[in-house]
Amino acid sequence: MSEDRAARAGAALERLDEIARRLRRECPWDREQDERSIVPHTVEEAYELADAAGQGDDARLLDELGDVLFQVHFLALLMEERGAGDLAQVAEHLHAKLVRRHPHVFPAASSGTGGSAQADSAGQVLANWDAIKRTEPDREGGIFGEVPENLPGPLYARKVQRRAASAGLEEGDAVPYQTVIAELEQLRAAADRETAFHEVGDVLFAAVDVARKLRVDPELALRAAADRFRTTITERSEENAP
């Protein structure tokens, strides 16, 4: 980053810090917030950001990035008030983590992390990331340690699949189209609702695996499909309106 851009960014963040602290002091709503109450808004803002990115709307993306940035800043301010950390510590911790988990970019600084210093593909980068993460202190053990169970279904399934792949429990890199077909046949043969419930889950899980291998976000892809369906039905209903 050039000195000019660094100076502009620093000045802008200082102004953001000033307004966040003033809101915390003077706004009744902001004064009432804690981590538990603010995080639902953080999640909502993240979804709005994802929607803006998916729509390719740069003006809205700029706006939503600001909302997410404020959420991060505000949460760091809450930690600072409790003496548990501050925004500088957040940034420093992140910097150290990114260096540590990218040994192929920072081989000297990342020696002894447990990851390979070579990564010729995005898949190898992810495998390195997961391998290094498992060696870090205070991490929950096991292949699926610290996989949040409250993730949306498609993202939860993708994360579980990725962890298994990073642990070497996946054979080959082929896109498993045939698995989806096989699961659909089993769903077709389901004789009762309980079996159908099980098989629908298997179909969706297999479809997420296909998306993962194609490096497509299954959550965003499903939302885009729902939006296309919504548009089609709306246009059809308008055409048929008296």
C-alpha atoms as a PDB file:
ATOM      1  CA  MET A   1       0.000   0.000   0.000  1.00  0.00           C
ATOM      2  CA  SER A   2       1.366   3.427  -0.939  1.00  0.00           C
ATOM      3  CA  GLU A   3       1.967   6.021   1.770  1.00  0.00           C
ATOM      4  CA  ASP A   4      -0.925   8.113   0.431  1.00  0.00           C
ATOM      5  CA  ARG A   5      -3.400   5.243   0.495  1.00  0.00           C
ATOM      6  CA  ALA A   6      -2.155   4.152   3.926  1.00  0.00           C
ATOM      7  CA  ALA A   7      -2.616   7.676   5.249  1.00  0.00           C
ATOM      8  CA  ARG A   8      -6.143   7.920   3.803  1.00  0.00           C
ATOM      9  CA  ALA A   9      -7.103   4.546   5.244  1.00  0.00           C
ATOM     10  CA  GLY A  10      -5.650   5.420   8.628  1.00  0.00           C
ATOM     11  CA  ALA A  11      -7.462   8.760   8.751  1.00  0.00           C
ATOM     12  CA  ALA A  12     -10.763   7.151   7.719  1.00  0.00           C
ATOM     13  CA  LEU A  13     -10.436   4.476  10.412  1.00  0.00           C
ATOM     14  CA  GLU A  14      -9.681   7.162  13.007  1.00  0.00           C
ATOM     15  CA  ARG A  15     -12.907   8.962  12.048  1.00  0.00           C
ATOM     16  CA  LEU A  16     -14.809   5.659  12.260  1.00  0.00           C
ATOM     17  CA  ASP A  17     -13.314   5.051  15.711  1.00  0.00           C
ATOM     18  CA  GLU A  18     -14.392   8.505  16.864  1.00  0.00           C
ATOM     19  CA  ILE A  19     -17.991   8.062  15.750  1.00  0.00           C
ATOM     20  CA  ALA A  20     -18.234   4.520  17.169  1.00  0.00           C
ATOM     21  CA  ARG A  21     -17.080   5.763  20.571  1.00  0.00           C
ATOM     22  CA  ARG A  22     -19.459   8.729  20.459  1.00  0.00           C
ATOM     23  CA  LEU A  23     -22.398   6.478  19.565  1.00  0.00           C
ATOM     24  CA  ARG A  24     -21.460   4.176  22.422  1.00  0.00           C
ATOM     25  CA  ARG A  25     -21.501   7.145  24.814  1.00  0.00           C
ATOM     26  CA  GLU A  26     -24.472   9.144  23.531  1.00  0.00           C
ATOM     27  CA  CYS A  27     -26.880   6.813  21.691  1.00  0.00           C
ATOM     28  CA  PRO A  28     -29.308   4.895  23.980  1.00  0.00           C
ATOM     29  CA  TRP A  29     -29.505   1.960  21.563  1.00  0.00           C
ATOM     30  CA  ASP A  30     -25.737   1.629  21.149  1.00  0.00           C
ATOM     31  CA  ARG A  31     -25.185   1.896  24.908  1.00  0.00           C
ATOM     32  CA  GLU A  32     -27.460  -1.099  25.519  1.00  0.00           C
ATOM     33  CA  GLN A  33     -25.601  -3.479  23.197  1.00  0.00           C
ATOM     34  CA  ASP A  34     -23.285  -6.313  24.149  1.00  0.00           C
ATOM     35  CA  GLU A  35     -21.671  -9.064  22.060  1.00  0.00           C
ATOM     36  CA  ARG A  36     -24.709 -11.337  22.213  1.00  0.00           C
ATOM     37  CA  SER A  37     -27.162  -8.633  21.170  1.00  0.00           C
ATOM     38  CA  ILE A  38     -25.026  -7.170  18.370  1.00  0.00           C
ATOM     39  CA  VAL A  39     -23.945 -10.404  16.658  1.00  0.00           C
ATOM     40  CA  PRO A  40     -27.359 -11.084  15.028  1.00  0.00           C
ATOM     41  CA  HIS A  41     -26.961  -7.709  13.309  1.00  0.00           C
ATOM     42  CA  THR A  42     -23.421  -8.695  12.277  1.00  0.00           C
ATOM     43  CA  VAL A  43     -24.769 -11.879  10.664  1.00  0.00           C
ATOM     44  CA  GLU A  44     -27.533  -9.917   8.920  1.00  0.00           C
ATOM     45  CA  GLU A  45     -25.024  -7.419   7.541  1.00  0.00           C
ATOM     46  CA  ALA A  46     -22.823 -10.276   6.292  1.00  0.00           C
ATOM     47  CA  TYR A  47     -25.770 -11.722   4.360  1.00  0.00           C
ATOM     48  CA  GLU A  48     -26.533  -8.311   2.852  1.00  0.00           C
ATOM     49  CA  LEU A  49     -22.883  -8.045   1.822  1.00  0.00           C
ATOM     50  CA  ALA A  50     -23.031 -11.498   0.231  1.00  0.00           C
ATOM     51  CA  ASP A  51     -26.168 -10.509  -1.684  1.00  0.00           C
ATOM     52  CA  ALA A  52     -24.520  -7.325  -2.982  1.00  0.00           C
ATOM     53  CA  ALA A  53     -21.480  -9.309  -4.122  1.00  0.00           C
ATOM     54  CA  GLY A  54     -23.696 -11.882  -5.800  1.00  0.00           C
ATOM     55  CA  GLN A  55     -25.608  -9.166  -7.646  1.00  0.00           C
ATOM     56  CA  GLY A  56     -22.374  -7.551  -8.834  1.00  0.00           C
ATOM     57  CA  ASP A  57     -23.575  -4.211  -7.480  1.00  0.00           C
ATOM     58  CA  ASP A  58     -20.383  -2.286  -6.671  1.00  0.00           C
ATOM     59  CA  ALA A  59     -22.122   0.741  -5.151  1.00  0.00           C
ATOM     60  CA  ARG A  60     -24.124  -1.458  -2.803  1.00  0.00           C
ATOM     61  CA  LEU A  61     -21.045  -3.599  -2.125  1.00  0.00           C
ATOM     62  CA  LEU A  62     -19.183  -0.485  -0.959  1.00  0.00           C
ATOM     63  CA  ASP A  63     -22.087   0.398   1.324  1.00  0.00           C
ATOM     64  CA  GLU A  64     -22.412  -3.111   2.785  1.00  0.00           C
ATOM     65  CA  LEU A  65     -18.663  -3.411   3.343  1.00  0.00           C
ATOM     66  CA  GLY A  66     -18.939  -0.289   5.471  1.00  0.00           C
ATOM     67  CA  ASP A  67     -21.729  -1.832   7.534  1.00  0.00           C
ATOM     68  CA  VAL A  68     -19.685  -4.988   8.148  1.00  0.00           C
ATOM     69  CA  LEU A  69     -16.607  -2.899   8.982  1.00  0.00           C
ATOM     70  CA  PHE A  70     -18.618  -0.992  11.581  1.00  0.00           C
ATOM     71  CA  GLN A  71     -19.806  -4.253  13.118  1.00  0.00           C
ATOM     72  CA  VAL A  72     -16.197  -5.454  13.472  1.00  0.00           C
ATOM     73  CA  HIS A  73     -15.127  -2.121  14.931  1.00  0.00           C
ATOM     74  CA  PHE A  74     -18.040  -2.009  17.365  1.00  0.00           C
ATOM     75  CA  LEU A  75     -17.446  -5.558  18.599  1.00  0.00           C
ATOM     76  CA  ALA A  76     -13.771  -4.753  19.135  1.00  0.00           C
ATOM     77  CA  LEU A  77     -14.807  -1.665  21.100  1.00  0.00           C
ATOM     78  CA  LEU A  78     -16.984  -3.836  23.367  1.00  0.00           C
ATOM     79  CA  MET A  79     -13.973  -6.087  24.003  1.00  0.00           C
ATOM     80  CA  GLU A  80     -11.831  -3.040  24.778  1.00  0.00           C
ATOM     81  CA  GLU A  81     -14.346  -1.863  27.391  1.00  0.00           C
ATOM     82  CA  ARG A  82     -14.027  -5.221  29.160  1.00  0.00           C
ATOM     83  CA  GLY A  83     -10.238  -5.168  28.928  1.00  0.00           C
ATOM     84  CA  ALA A  84     -10.352  -8.287  26.741  1.00  0.00           C
ATOM     85  CA  GLY A  85      -8.671  -6.815  23.639  1.00  0.00           C
ATOM     86  CA  ASP A  86      -8.993  -4.014  21.122  1.00  0.00           C
ATOM     87  CA  LEU A  87      -9.040  -3.414  17.374  1.00  0.00           C
ATOM     88  CA  ALA A  88      -5.227  -3.258  17.196  1.00  0.00           C
ATOM     89  CA  GLN A  89      -4.995  -6.687  18.806  1.00  0.00           C
ATOM     90  CA  VAL A  90      -7.613  -8.016  16.393  1.00  0.00           C
ATOM     91  CA  ALA A  91      -5.573  -6.785  13.422  1.00  0.00           C
ATOM     92  CA  GLU A  92      -2.269  -8.022  14.854  1.00  0.00           C
ATOM     93  CA  HIS A  93      -3.727 -11.442  15.634  1.00  0.00           C
ATOM     94  CA  LEU A  94      -5.138 -11.664  12.116  1.00  0.00           C
ATOM     95  CA  HIS A  95      -1.814 -10.629  10.562  1.00  0.00           C
ATOM     96  CA  ALA A  96       0.050 -13.333  12.482  1.00  0.00           C
ATOM     97  CA  LYS A  97      -2.549 -15.954  11.571  1.00  0.00           C
ATOM     98  CA  LEU A  98      -2.469 -15.132   7.867  1.00  0.00           C
ATOM     99  CA  VAL A  99       1.326 -15.365   7.795  1.00  0.00           C
ATOM    100  CA  ARG A 100       1.297 -18.632   9.741  1.00  0.00           C
ATOM    101  CA  ARG A 101      -1.365 -20.268   7.575  1.00  0.00           C
ATOM    102  CA  HIS A 102       0.247 -19.277   4.250  1.00  0.00           C
ATOM    103  CA  PRO A 103       3.653 -21.014   4.401  1.00  0.00           C
ATOM    104  CA  HIS A 104       3.787 -21.066   0.592  1.00  0.00           C
ATOM    105  CA  VAL A 105       3.835 -17.246   0.653  1.00  0.00           C
ATOM    106  CA  PHE A 106       5.816 -16.695   3.884  1.00  0.00           C
ATOM    107  CA  PRO A 107       8.061 -19.791   4.148  1.00  0.00           C
ATOM    108  CA  ALA A 108      10.640 -18.249   6.505  1.00  0.00           C
ATOM    109  CA  ALA A 109       8.085 -16.857   8.944  1.00  0.00           C
ATOM    110  CA  SER A 110       5.939 -19.998   8.813  1.00  0.00           C
ATOM    111  CA  SER A 111       8.558 -22.690   9.447  1.00  0.00           C
ATOM    112  CA  GLY A 112       7.427 -25.384  11.826  1.00  0.00           C
ATOM    113  CA  THR A 113       3.718 -24.674  11.412  1.00  0.00           C
ATOM    114  CA  GLY A 114       2.861 -28.138  10.123  1.00  0.00           C
ATOM    115  CA  GLY A 115       1.836 -27.012   6.663  1.00  0.00           C
ATOM    116  CA  SER A 116       3.584 -27.526   3.362  1.00  0.00           C
ATOM    117  CA  ALA A 117       5.614 -24.618   1.989  1.00  0.00           C
ATOM    118  CA  GLN A 118       4.384 -25.627  -1.463  1.00  0.00           C
ATOM    119  CA  ALA A 119       0.871 -25.012  -2.742  1.00  0.00           C
ATOM    120  CA  ASP A 120       0.213 -25.254  -6.461  1.00  0.00           C
ATOM    121  CA  SER A 121      -3.582 -25.198  -6.236  1.00  0.00           C
ATOM    122  CA  ALA A 122      -6.377 -23.629  -4.227  1.00  0.00           C
ATOM    123  CA  GLY A 123      -7.170 -27.088  -2.844  1.00  0.00           C
ATOM    124  CA  GLN A 124      -3.651 -27.454  -1.454  1.00  0.00           C
ATOM    125  CA  VAL A 125      -3.913 -24.016   0.141  1.00  0.00           C
ATOM    126  CA  LEU A 126      -7.097 -25.111   1.949  1.00  0.00           C
ATOM    127  CA  ALA A 127      -5.486 -28.400   3.023  1.00  0.00           C
ATOM    128  CA  ASN A 128      -2.503 -26.468   4.426  1.00  0.00           C
ATOM    129  CA  TRP A 129      -4.832 -24.068   6.211  1.00  0.00           C
ATOM    130  CA  ASP A 130      -6.724 -26.876   7.947  1.00  0.00           C
ATOM    131  CA  ALA A 131      -3.544 -28.803   8.811  1.00  0.00           C
ATOM    132  CA  ILE A 132      -1.937 -25.725  10.384  1.00  0.00           C
ATOM    133  CA  LYS A 133      -5.121 -24.842  12.229  1.00  0.00           C
ATOM    134  CA  ARG A 134      -5.155 -28.262  13.905  1.00  0.00           C
ATOM    135  CA  THR A 135      -1.659 -27.636  15.349  1.00  0.00           C
ATOM    136  CA  GLU A 136      -2.552 -24.310  16.963  1.00  0.00           C
ATOM    137  CA  PRO A 137      -3.007 -24.153  20.750  1.00  0.00           C
ATOM    138  CA  ASP A 138      -6.453 -23.966  22.351  1.00  0.00           C
ATOM    139  CA  ARG A 139      -8.137 -25.464  19.305  1.00  0.00           C
ATOM    140  CA  GLU A 140     -10.869 -28.070  19.682  1.00  0.00           C
ATOM    141  CA  GLY A 141      -9.447 -31.420  18.673  1.00  0.00           C
ATOM    142  CA  GLY A 142     -10.666 -33.808  16.014  1.00  0.00           C
ATOM    143  CA  ILE A 143     -11.289 -33.522  12.297  1.00  0.00           C
ATOM    144  CA  PHE A 144     -14.488 -31.574  12.857  1.00  0.00           C
ATOM    145  CA  GLY A 145     -13.319 -29.458  15.783  1.00  0.00           C
ATOM    146  CA  GLU A 146     -14.815 -25.955  15.857  1.00  0.00           C
ATOM    147  CA  VAL A 147     -17.188 -26.538  12.940  1.00  0.00           C
ATOM    148  CA  PRO A 148     -20.118 -24.280  13.966  1.00  0.00           C
ATOM    149  CA  GLU A 149     -23.318 -26.311  14.066  1.00  0.00           C
ATOM    150  CA  ASN A 150     -25.439 -23.187  13.564  1.00  0.00           C
ATOM    151  CA  LEU A 151     -24.170 -22.567  10.029  1.00  0.00           C
ATOM    152  CA  PRO A 152     -26.802 -22.643   7.267  1.00  0.00           C
ATOM    153  CA  GLY A 153     -27.253 -26.248   6.097  1.00  0.00           C
ATOM    154  CA  PRO A 154     -25.384 -26.005   2.772  1.00  0.00           C
ATOM    155  CA  LEU A 155     -22.409 -24.242   4.375  1.00  0.00           C
ATOM    156  CA  TYR A 156     -22.330 -26.678   7.292  1.00  0.00           C
ATOM    157  CA  ALA A 157     -22.289 -29.618   4.860  1.00  0.00           C
ATOM    158  CA  ARG A 158     -19.536 -28.016   2.765  1.00  0.00           C
ATOM    159  CA  LYS A 159     -17.364 -27.346   5.817  1.00  0.00           C
ATOM    160  CA  VAL A 160     -17.742 -30.948   7.044  1.00  0.00           C
ATOM    161  CA  GLN A 161     -16.823 -32.251   3.568  1.00  0.00           C
ATOM    162  CA  ARG A 162     -13.827 -29.929   3.347  1.00  0.00           C
ATOM    163  CA  ARG A 163     -12.525 -31.034   6.739  1.00  0.00           C
ATOM    164  CA  ALA A 164     -12.769 -34.676   5.706  1.00  0.00           C
ATOM    165  CA  ALA A 165     -10.939 -33.922   2.446  1.00  0.00           C
ATOM    166  CA  SER A 166      -8.195 -31.987   4.260  1.00  0.00           C
ATOM    167  CA  ALA A 167      -7.685 -34.954   6.569  1.00  0.00           C
ATOM    168  CA  GLY A 168      -7.028 -37.184   3.540  1.00  0.00           C
ATOM    169  CA  LEU A 169     -10.344 -39.025   3.844  1.00  0.00           C
ATOM    170  CA  GLU A 170     -11.472 -38.306   0.290  1.00  0.00           C
ATOM    171  CA  GLU A 171     -10.549 -40.297  -2.786  1.00  0.00           C
ATOM    172  CA  GLY A 172      -9.666 -38.335  -5.918  1.00  0.00           C
ATOM    173  CA  ASP A 173     -10.692 -34.923  -7.154  1.00  0.00           C
ATOM    174  CA  ALA A 174     -13.406 -36.012  -9.578  1.00  0.00           C
ATOM    175  CA  VAL A 175     -16.703 -34.120  -9.397  1.00  0.00           C
ATOM    176  CA  PRO A 176     -19.168 -36.693  -7.950  1.00  0.00           C
ATOM    177  CA  TYR A 177     -22.030 -36.287 -10.405  1.00  0.00           C
ATOM    178  CA  GLN A 178     -22.755 -40.014 -10.265  1.00  0.00           C
ATOM    179  CA  THR A 179     -23.246 -39.829  -6.513  1.00  0.00           C
ATOM    180  CA  VAL A 180     -26.039 -37.296  -6.999  1.00  0.00           C
ATOM    181  CA  ILE A 181     -27.663 -39.554  -9.611  1.00  0.00           C
ATOM    182  CA  ALA A 182     -27.398 -42.583  -7.318  1.00  0.00           C
ATOM    183  CA  GLU A 183     -28.898 -40.680  -4.388  1.00  0.00           C
ATOM    184  CA  LEU A 184     -31.774 -39.462  -6.574  1.00  0.00           C
ATOM    185  CA  GLU A 185     -32.541 -43.059  -7.537  1.00  0.00           C
ATOM    186  CA  GLN A 186     -32.620 -44.041  -3.876  1.00  0.00           C
ATOM    187  CA  LEU A 187     -34.948 -41.108  -3.188  1.00  0.00           C
ATOM    188  CA  ARG A 188     -37.196 -42.221  -6.035  1.00  0.00           C
ATOM    189  CA  ALA A 189     -37.410 -45.668  -4.430  1.00  0.00           C
ATOM    190  CA  ALA A 190     -38.223 -44.335  -0.936  1.00  0.00           C
ATOM    191  CA  ALA A 191     -41.360 -46.084   0.327  1.00  0.00           C
ATOM    192  CA  ASP A 192     -42.207 -43.904   3.328  1.00  0.00           C
ATOM    193  CA  ARG A 193     -41.745 -40.397   4.649  1.00  0.00           C
ATOM    194  CA  GLU A 194     -38.932 -41.260   7.062  1.00  0.00           C
ATOM    195  CA  THR A 195     -36.902 -42.879   4.290  1.00  0.00           C
ATOM    196  CA  ALA A 196     -37.651 -39.957   1.982  1.00  0.00           C
ATOM    197  CA  PHE A 197     -36.399 -37.546   4.688  1.00  0.00           C
ATOM    198  CA  HIS A 198     -33.136 -39.477   4.898  1.00  0.00           C
ATOM    199  CA  GLU A 199     -32.697 -39.682   1.126  1.00  0.00           C
ATOM    200  CA  VAL A 200     -33.502 -36.010   0.524  1.00  0.00           C
ATOM    201  CA  GLY A 201     -30.707 -35.194   2.963  1.00  0.00           C
ATOM    202  CA  ASP A 202     -28.332 -37.463   1.056  1.00  0.00           C
ATOM    203  CA  VAL A 203     -29.282 -35.830  -2.263  1.00  0.00           C
ATOM    204  CA  LEU A 204     -28.662 -32.354  -0.889  1.00  0.00           C
ATOM    205  CA  PHE A 205     -25.386 -33.436   0.751  1.00  0.00           C
ATOM    206  CA  ALA A 206     -24.194 -34.928  -2.551  1.00  0.00           C
ATOM    207  CA  ALA A 207     -25.200 -31.761  -4.416  1.00  0.00           C
ATOM    208  CA  VAL A 208     -23.194 -29.664  -1.956  1.00  0.00           C
ATOM    209  CA  ASP A 209     -20.203 -31.943  -2.588  1.00  0.00           C
ATOM    210  CA  VAL A 210     -20.520 -31.275  -6.326  1.00  0.00           C
ATOM    211  CA  ALA A 211     -20.649 -27.528  -5.641  1.00  0.00           C
ATOM    212  CA  ARG A 212     -17.578 -27.763  -3.416  1.00  0.00           C
ATOM    213  CA  LYS A 213     -15.585 -29.607  -6.072  1.00  0.00           C
ATOM    214  CA  LEU A 214     -16.611 -26.965  -8.635  1.00  0.00           C
ATOM    215  CA  ARG A 215     -15.697 -24.210  -6.147  1.00  0.00           C
ATOM    216  CA  VAL A 216     -19.262 -22.865  -6.176  1.00  0.00           C
ATOM    217  CA  ASP A 217     -20.782 -21.549  -2.945  1.00  0.00           C
ATOM    218  CA  PRO A 218     -23.867 -23.786  -2.454  1.00  0.00           C
ATOM    219  CA  GLU A 219     -25.641 -21.248  -0.252  1.00  0.00           C
ATOM    220  CA  LEU A 220     -25.333 -18.436  -2.795  1.00  0.00           C
ATOM    221  CA  ALA A 221     -26.135 -20.762  -5.707  1.00  0.00           C
ATOM    222  CA  LEU A 222     -29.330 -21.945  -3.999  1.00  0.00           C
ATOM    223  CA  ARG A 223     -30.372 -18.393  -3.197  1.00  0.00           C
ATOM    224  CA  ALA A 224     -29.748 -17.360  -6.802  1.00  0.00           C
ATOM    225  CA  ALA A 225     -31.909 -20.263  -8.010  1.00  0.00           C
ATOM    226  CA  ALA A 226     -34.682 -19.235  -5.595  1.00  0.00           C
ATOM    227  CA  ASP A 227     -34.456 -15.665  -6.873  1.00  0.00           C
ATOM    228  CA  ARG A 228     -34.751 -16.844 -10.493  1.00  0.00           C
ATOM    229  CA  PHE A 229     -37.774 -18.940  -9.552  1.00  0.00           C
ATOM    230  CA  ARG A 230     -39.314 -16.004  -7.711  1.00  0.00           C
ATOM    231  CA  THR A 231     -38.832 -13.726 -10.729  1.00  0.00           C
ATOM    232  CA  THR A 232     -40.307 -16.305 -13.106  1.00  0.00           C
ATOM    233  CA  ILE A 233     -43.396 -16.862 -10.942  1.00  0.00           C
ATOM    234  CA  THR A 234     -43.917 -13.123 -10.475  1.00  0.00           C
ATOM    235  CA  GLU A 235     -43.716 -12.494 -14.228  1.00  0.00           C
ATOM    236  CA  ARG A 236     -46.070 -15.407 -14.906  1.00  0.00           C
ATOM    237  CA  SER A 237     -48.627 -14.167 -12.395  1.00  0.00           C
ATOM    238  CA  GLU A 238     -48.486 -10.660 -13.872  1.00  0.00           C
ATOM    239  CA  GLU A 239     -49.026 -12.057 -17.377  1.00  0.00           C
ATOM    240  CA  ASN A 240     -52.066 -14.014 -16.205  1.00  0.00           C
ATOM    241  CA  ALA A 241     -53.535 -11.162 -14.183  1.00  0.00           C
ATOM    242  CA  PRO A 242     -56.950  -9.979 -15.486  1.00  0.00           C
END
